[in-house]
């Protein structure tokens, strides 16, 4: 596991649900780890494709990245 996700692995493994990935994505996003945030958001959307919060966060992230 990568150093920036150390400590999060058990939480994501124990509850591999969309909200956990969205929350992790938001934390990474706020800390400027944009590529990793995008990956977390995309995993959340894989698990729950219609989640408006994740879709909104990913859209905001793409705005920052471009």
PDB file of N, CA and C in Angstrom:
ATOM      1  N   UNK A   1       0.839  -1.177   0.000  1.00  0.00           N
ATOM      2  CA  UNK A   1       0.000   0.000   0.000  1.00  0.00           C
ATOM      3  C   UNK A   1       0.884   1.240   0.000  1.00  0.00           C
ATOM      4  N   UNK A   2       0.473   2.246  -0.710  1.00  0.00           N
ATOM      5  CA  UNK A   2       1.272   3.449  -0.826  1.00  0.00           C
ATOM      6  C   UNK A   2       1.232   4.246   0.471  1.00  0.00           C
ATOM      7  N   UNK A   3       2.289   5.003   0.703  1.00  0.00           N
ATOM      8  CA  UNK A   3       2.445   5.735   1.958  1.00  0.00           C
ATOM      9  C   UNK A   3       1.293   6.707   2.217  1.00  0.00           C
ATOM     10  N   UNK A   4       0.761   7.356   1.161  1.00  0.00           N
ATOM     11  CA  UNK A   4      -0.279   8.349   1.384  1.00  0.00           C
ATOM     12  C   UNK A   4      -1.618   7.728   1.765  1.00  0.00           C
ATOM     13  N   UNK A   5      -1.753   6.445   1.622  1.00  0.00           N
ATOM     14  CA  UNK A   5      -2.985   5.771   2.025  1.00  0.00           C
ATOM     15  C   UNK A   5      -2.776   4.895   3.248  1.00  0.00           C
ATOM     16  N   UNK A   6      -1.617   4.985   3.836  1.00  0.00           N
ATOM     17  CA  UNK A   6      -1.337   4.179   5.028  1.00  0.00           C
ATOM     18  C   UNK A   6      -2.362   4.511   6.100  1.00  0.00           C
ATOM     19  N   UNK A   7      -2.900   3.484   6.687  1.00  0.00           N
ATOM     20  CA  UNK A   7      -3.914   3.691   7.706  1.00  0.00           C
ATOM     21  C   UNK A   7      -5.333   3.654   7.170  1.00  0.00           C
ATOM     22  N   UNK A   8      -5.501   3.899   5.880  1.00  0.00           N
ATOM     23  CA  UNK A   8      -6.838   3.868   5.297  1.00  0.00           C
ATOM     24  C   UNK A   8      -7.207   2.473   4.809  1.00  0.00           C
ATOM     25  N   UNK A   9      -6.221   1.630   4.564  1.00  0.00           N
ATOM     26  CA  UNK A   9      -6.483   0.294   4.025  1.00  0.00           C
ATOM     27  C   UNK A   9      -7.504  -0.494   4.816  1.00  0.00           C
ATOM     28  N   UNK A  10      -7.354  -0.579   6.136  1.00  0.00           N
ATOM     29  CA  UNK A  10      -8.339  -1.339   6.910  1.00  0.00           C
ATOM     30  C   UNK A  10      -9.754  -0.788   6.784  1.00  0.00           C
ATOM     31  N   UNK A  11      -9.882   0.520   6.732  1.00  0.00           N
ATOM     32  CA  UNK A  11     -11.215   1.113   6.608  1.00  0.00           C
ATOM     33  C   UNK A  11     -11.833   0.772   5.264  1.00  0.00           C
ATOM     34  N   UNK A  12     -11.026   0.852   4.216  1.00  0.00           N
ATOM     35  CA  UNK A  12     -11.554   0.542   2.894  1.00  0.00           C
ATOM     36  C   UNK A  12     -11.811  -0.951   2.735  1.00  0.00           C
ATOM     37  N   UNK A  13     -10.990  -1.778   3.342  1.00  0.00           N
ATOM     38  CA  UNK A  13     -11.193  -3.218   3.257  1.00  0.00           C
ATOM     39  C   UNK A  13     -12.404  -3.659   4.057  1.00  0.00           C
ATOM     40  N   UNK A  14     -12.573  -3.082   5.228  1.00  0.00           N
ATOM     41  CA  UNK A  14     -13.683  -3.470   6.090  1.00  0.00           C
ATOM     42  C   UNK A  14     -15.013  -3.031   5.497  1.00  0.00           C
ATOM     43  N   UNK A  15     -15.052  -1.869   4.901  1.00  0.00           N
ATOM     44  CA  UNK A  15     -16.286  -1.350   4.315  1.00  0.00           C
ATOM     45  C   UNK A  15     -15.975  -0.910   2.904  1.00  0.00           C
ATOM     46  N   UNK A  16     -15.952  -1.853   2.003  1.00  0.00           N
ATOM     47  CA  UNK A  16     -15.632  -1.529   0.617  1.00  0.00           C
ATOM     48  C   UNK A  16     -16.888  -0.985  -0.059  1.00  0.00           C
ATOM     49  N   UNK A  17     -17.327   0.173   0.448  1.00  0.00           N
ATOM     50  CA  UNK A  17     -18.531   0.767  -0.112  1.00  0.00           C
ATOM     51  C   UNK A  17     -18.200   2.095  -0.784  1.00  0.00           C
ATOM     52  N   UNK A  18     -19.141   2.578  -1.530  1.00  0.00           N
ATOM     53  CA  UNK A  18     -18.918   3.790  -2.309  1.00  0.00           C
ATOM     54  C   UNK A  18     -18.588   4.990  -1.429  1.00  0.00           C
ATOM     55  N   UNK A  19     -19.265   5.128  -0.302  1.00  0.00           N
ATOM     56  CA  UNK A  19     -19.061   6.302   0.549  1.00  0.00           C
ATOM     57  C   UNK A  19     -17.625   6.371   1.077  1.00  0.00           C
ATOM     58  N   UNK A  20     -17.054   5.241   1.425  1.00  0.00           N
ATOM     59  CA  UNK A  20     -15.662   5.224   1.897  1.00  0.00           C
ATOM     60  C   UNK A  20     -14.725   5.747   0.819  1.00  0.00           C
ATOM     61  N   UNK A  21     -14.948   5.339  -0.411  1.00  0.00           N
ATOM     62  CA  UNK A  21     -14.097   5.794  -1.509  1.00  0.00           C
ATOM     63  C   UNK A  21     -14.327   7.277  -1.813  1.00  0.00           C
ATOM     64  N   UNK A  22     -15.580   7.719  -1.710  1.00  0.00           N
ATOM     65  CA  UNK A  22     -15.866   9.144  -1.910  1.00  0.00           C
ATOM     66  C   UNK A  22     -15.182   9.983  -0.841  1.00  0.00           C
ATOM     67  N   UNK A  23     -15.271   9.542   0.400  1.00  0.00           N
ATOM     68  CA  UNK A  23     -14.625  10.283   1.495  1.00  0.00           C
ATOM     69  C   UNK A  23     -13.112  10.337   1.333  1.00  0.00           C
ATOM     70  N   UNK A  24     -12.515   9.214   0.977  1.00  0.00           N
ATOM     71  CA  UNK A  24     -11.078   9.199   0.752  1.00  0.00           C
ATOM     72  C   UNK A  24     -10.716  10.123  -0.412  1.00  0.00           C
ATOM     73  N   UNK A  25     -11.516  10.067  -1.475  1.00  0.00           N
ATOM     74  CA  UNK A  25     -11.282  10.951  -2.617  1.00  0.00           C
ATOM     75  C   UNK A  25     -11.330  12.412  -2.216  1.00  0.00           C
ATOM     76  N   UNK A  26     -12.276  12.769  -1.360  1.00  0.00           N
ATOM     77  CA  UNK A  26     -12.398  14.156  -0.920  1.00  0.00           C
ATOM     78  C   UNK A  26     -11.174  14.588  -0.113  1.00  0.00           C
ATOM     79  N   UNK A  27     -10.697  13.721   0.743  1.00  0.00           N
ATOM     80  CA  UNK A  27      -9.504  14.044   1.542  1.00  0.00           C
ATOM     81  C   UNK A  27      -8.286  14.218   0.636  1.00  0.00           C
ATOM     82  N   UNK A  28      -8.114  13.300  -0.298  1.00  0.00           N
ATOM     83  CA  UNK A  28      -6.998  13.403  -1.235  1.00  0.00           C
ATOM     84  C   UNK A  28      -7.116  14.664  -2.087  1.00  0.00           C
ATOM     85  N   UNK A  29      -8.319  14.950  -2.536  1.00  0.00           N
ATOM     86  CA  UNK A  29      -8.600  16.137  -3.346  1.00  0.00           C
ATOM     87  C   UNK A  29      -8.189  17.402  -2.589  1.00  0.00           C
ATOM     88  N   UNK A  30      -8.621  17.512  -1.350  1.00  0.00           N
ATOM     89  CA  UNK A  30      -8.304  18.693  -0.544  1.00  0.00           C
ATOM     90  C   UNK A  30      -6.815  18.822  -0.246  1.00  0.00           C
ATOM     91  N   UNK A  31      -6.094  17.710  -0.302  1.00  0.00           N
ATOM     92  CA  UNK A  31      -4.654  17.723  -0.038  1.00  0.00           C
ATOM     93  C   UNK A  31      -3.823  17.772  -1.315  1.00  0.00           C
ATOM     94  N   UNK A  32      -4.475  18.059  -2.433  1.00  0.00           N
ATOM     95  CA  UNK A  32      -3.755  18.244  -3.689  1.00  0.00           C
ATOM     96  C   UNK A  32      -3.280  16.968  -4.362  1.00  0.00           C
ATOM     97  N   UNK A  33      -3.756  15.836  -3.934  1.00  0.00           N
ATOM     98  CA  UNK A  33      -3.379  14.554  -4.541  1.00  0.00           C
ATOM     99  C   UNK A  33      -4.447  14.193  -5.571  1.00  0.00           C
ATOM    100  N   UNK A  34      -4.462  14.956  -6.650  1.00  0.00           N
ATOM    101  CA  UNK A  34      -5.556  14.916  -7.606  1.00  0.00           C
ATOM    102  C   UNK A  34      -5.709  13.589  -8.342  1.00  0.00           C
ATOM    103  N   UNK A  35      -4.631  13.019  -8.788  1.00  0.00           N
ATOM    104  CA  UNK A  35      -4.720  11.753  -9.512  1.00  0.00           C
ATOM    105  C   UNK A  35      -5.280  10.648  -8.620  1.00  0.00           C
ATOM    106  N   UNK A  36      -4.813  10.599  -7.392  1.00  0.00           N
ATOM    107  CA  UNK A  36      -5.294   9.581  -6.463  1.00  0.00           C
ATOM    108  C   UNK A  36      -6.745   9.849  -6.064  1.00  0.00           C
ATOM    109  N   UNK A  37      -7.106  11.120  -5.942  1.00  0.00           N
ATOM    110  CA  UNK A  37      -8.496  11.468  -5.648  1.00  0.00           C
ATOM    111  C   UNK A  37      -9.406  10.989  -6.779  1.00  0.00           C
ATOM    112  N   UNK A  38      -8.979  11.214  -8.007  1.00  0.00           N
ATOM    113  CA  UNK A  38      -9.772  10.774  -9.163  1.00  0.00           C
ATOM    114  C   UNK A  38      -9.967   9.265  -9.125  1.00  0.00           C
ATOM    115  N   UNK A  39      -8.927   8.529  -8.794  1.00  0.00           N
ATOM    116  CA  UNK A  39      -9.049   7.076  -8.716  1.00  0.00           C
ATOM    117  C   UNK A  39     -10.051   6.652  -7.644  1.00  0.00           C
ATOM    118  N   UNK A  40     -10.042   7.315  -6.508  1.00  0.00           N
ATOM    119  CA  UNK A  40     -10.990   6.994  -5.438  1.00  0.00           C
ATOM    120  C   UNK A  40     -12.420   7.324  -5.857  1.00  0.00           C
ATOM    121  N   UNK A  41     -12.598   8.475  -6.476  1.00  0.00           N
ATOM    122  CA  UNK A  41     -13.929   8.843  -6.954  1.00  0.00           C
ATOM    123  C   UNK A  41     -14.428   7.842  -8.002  1.00  0.00           C
ATOM    124  N   UNK A  42     -13.551   7.440  -8.905  1.00  0.00           N
ATOM    125  CA  UNK A  42     -13.954   6.487  -9.949  1.00  0.00           C
ATOM    126  C   UNK A  42     -14.330   5.131  -9.365  1.00  0.00           C
ATOM    127  N   UNK A  43     -13.629   4.713  -8.330  1.00  0.00           N
ATOM    128  CA  UNK A  43     -13.986   3.454  -7.671  1.00  0.00           C
ATOM    129  C   UNK A  43     -15.341   3.597  -6.983  1.00  0.00           C
ATOM    130  N   UNK A  44     -15.587   4.733  -6.360  1.00  0.00           N
ATOM    131  CA  UNK A  44     -16.894   4.979  -5.737  1.00  0.00           C
ATOM    132  C   UNK A  44     -18.003   4.913  -6.784  1.00  0.00           C
ATOM    133  N   UNK A  45     -17.754   5.490  -7.951  1.00  0.00           N
ATOM    134  CA  UNK A  45     -18.757   5.471  -9.009  1.00  0.00           C
ATOM    135  C   UNK A  45     -18.935   4.082  -9.610  1.00  0.00           C
ATOM    136  N   UNK A  46     -17.898   3.280  -9.586  1.00  0.00           N
ATOM    137  CA  UNK A  46     -18.039   1.897 -10.050  1.00  0.00           C
ATOM    138  C   UNK A  46     -19.013   1.154  -9.129  1.00  0.00           C
ATOM    139  N   UNK A  47     -18.911   1.439  -7.838  1.00  0.00           N
ATOM    140  CA  UNK A  47     -19.760   0.775  -6.852  1.00  0.00           C
ATOM    141  C   UNK A  47     -21.165   1.374  -6.795  1.00  0.00           C
ATOM    142  N   UNK A  48     -21.268   2.672  -7.044  1.00  0.00           N
ATOM    143  CA  UNK A  48     -22.560   3.359  -6.996  1.00  0.00           C
ATOM    144  C   UNK A  48     -22.575   4.442  -8.078  1.00  0.00           C
ATOM    145  N   UNK A  49     -22.893   4.053  -9.305  1.00  0.00           N
ATOM    146  CA  UNK A  49     -22.757   4.951 -10.462  1.00  0.00           C
ATOM    147  C   UNK A  49     -23.583   6.233 -10.418  1.00  0.00           C
ATOM    148  N   UNK A  50     -24.646   6.268  -9.672  1.00  0.00           N
ATOM    149  CA  UNK A  50     -25.530   7.434  -9.689  1.00  0.00           C
ATOM    150  C   UNK A  50     -25.364   8.360  -8.488  1.00  0.00           C
ATOM    151  N   UNK A  51     -24.284   8.211  -7.752  1.00  0.00           N
ATOM    152  CA  UNK A  51     -24.090   9.030  -6.557  1.00  0.00           C
ATOM    153  C   UNK A  51     -23.771  10.466  -6.937  1.00  0.00           C
ATOM    154  N   UNK A  52     -24.682  11.365  -6.616  1.00  0.00           N
ATOM    155  CA  UNK A  52     -24.547  12.768  -7.023  1.00  0.00           C
ATOM    156  C   UNK A  52     -23.372  13.461  -6.349  1.00  0.00           C
ATOM    157  N   UNK A  53     -23.094  13.120  -5.106  1.00  0.00           N
ATOM    158  CA  UNK A  53     -21.965  13.740  -4.400  1.00  0.00           C
ATOM    159  C   UNK A  53     -20.654  13.396  -5.082  1.00  0.00           C
ATOM    160  N   UNK A  54     -20.477  12.131  -5.406  1.00  0.00           N
ATOM    161  CA  UNK A  54     -19.237  11.705  -6.059  1.00  0.00           C
ATOM    162  C   UNK A  54     -19.128  12.306  -7.454  1.00  0.00           C
ATOM    163  N   UNK A  55     -20.220  12.316  -8.187  1.00  0.00           N
ATOM    164  CA  UNK A  55     -20.205  12.915  -9.529  1.00  0.00           C
ATOM    165  C   UNK A  55     -19.836  14.397  -9.462  1.00  0.00           C
ATOM    166  N   UNK A  56     -20.393  15.093  -8.482  1.00  0.00           N
ATOM    167  CA  UNK A  56     -20.087  16.520  -8.314  1.00  0.00           C
ATOM    168  C   UNK A  56     -18.627  16.725  -7.938  1.00  0.00           C
ATOM    169  N   UNK A  57     -18.134  15.919  -6.994  1.00  0.00           N
ATOM    170  CA  UNK A  57     -16.732  16.041  -6.576  1.00  0.00           C
ATOM    171  C   UNK A  57     -15.786  15.762  -7.735  1.00  0.00           C
ATOM    172  N   UNK A  58     -16.088  14.741  -8.527  1.00  0.00           N
ATOM    173  CA  UNK A  58     -15.227  14.407  -9.663  1.00  0.00           C
ATOM    174  C   UNK A  58     -15.249  15.534 -10.695  1.00  0.00           C
ATOM    175  N   UNK A  59     -16.403  16.123 -10.916  1.00  0.00           N
ATOM    176  CA  UNK A  59     -16.497  17.252 -11.844  1.00  0.00           C
ATOM    177  C   UNK A  59     -15.654  18.433 -11.343  1.00  0.00           C
ATOM    178  N   UNK A  60     -15.750  18.744 -10.056  1.00  0.00           N
ATOM    179  CA  UNK A  60     -14.935  19.817  -9.477  1.00  0.00           C
ATOM    180  C   UNK A  60     -13.448  19.507  -9.583  1.00  0.00           C
ATOM    181  N   UNK A  61     -13.102  18.258  -9.358  1.00  0.00           N
ATOM    182  CA  UNK A  61     -11.701  17.849  -9.460  1.00  0.00           C
ATOM    183  C   UNK A  61     -11.181  18.051 -10.877  1.00  0.00           C
ATOM    184  N   UNK A  62     -11.976  17.644 -11.858  1.00  0.00           N
ATOM    185  CA  UNK A  62     -11.534  17.822 -13.248  1.00  0.00           C
ATOM    186  C   UNK A  62     -11.369  19.298 -13.593  1.00  0.00           C
ATOM    187  N   UNK A  63     -12.198  20.156 -13.002  1.00  0.00           N
ATOM    188  CA  UNK A  63     -12.063  21.596 -13.239  1.00  0.00           C
ATOM    189  C   UNK A  63     -10.739  22.123 -12.706  1.00  0.00           C
ATOM    190  N   UNK A  64     -10.298  21.598 -11.565  1.00  0.00           N
ATOM    191  CA  UNK A  64      -9.043  22.018 -10.959  1.00  0.00           C
ATOM    192  C   UNK A  64      -7.856  21.483 -11.767  1.00  0.00           C
ATOM    193  N   UNK A  65      -8.007  20.288 -12.292  1.00  0.00           N
ATOM    194  CA  UNK A  65      -6.903  19.633 -12.998  1.00  0.00           C
ATOM    195  C   UNK A  65      -6.656  20.193 -14.391  1.00  0.00           C
ATOM    196  N   UNK A  66      -7.638  20.861 -14.971  1.00  0.00           N
ATOM    197  CA  UNK A  66      -7.467  21.369 -16.337  1.00  0.00           C
ATOM    198  C   UNK A  66      -7.155  22.835 -16.371  1.00  0.00           C
TER     199      UNK A  66
END
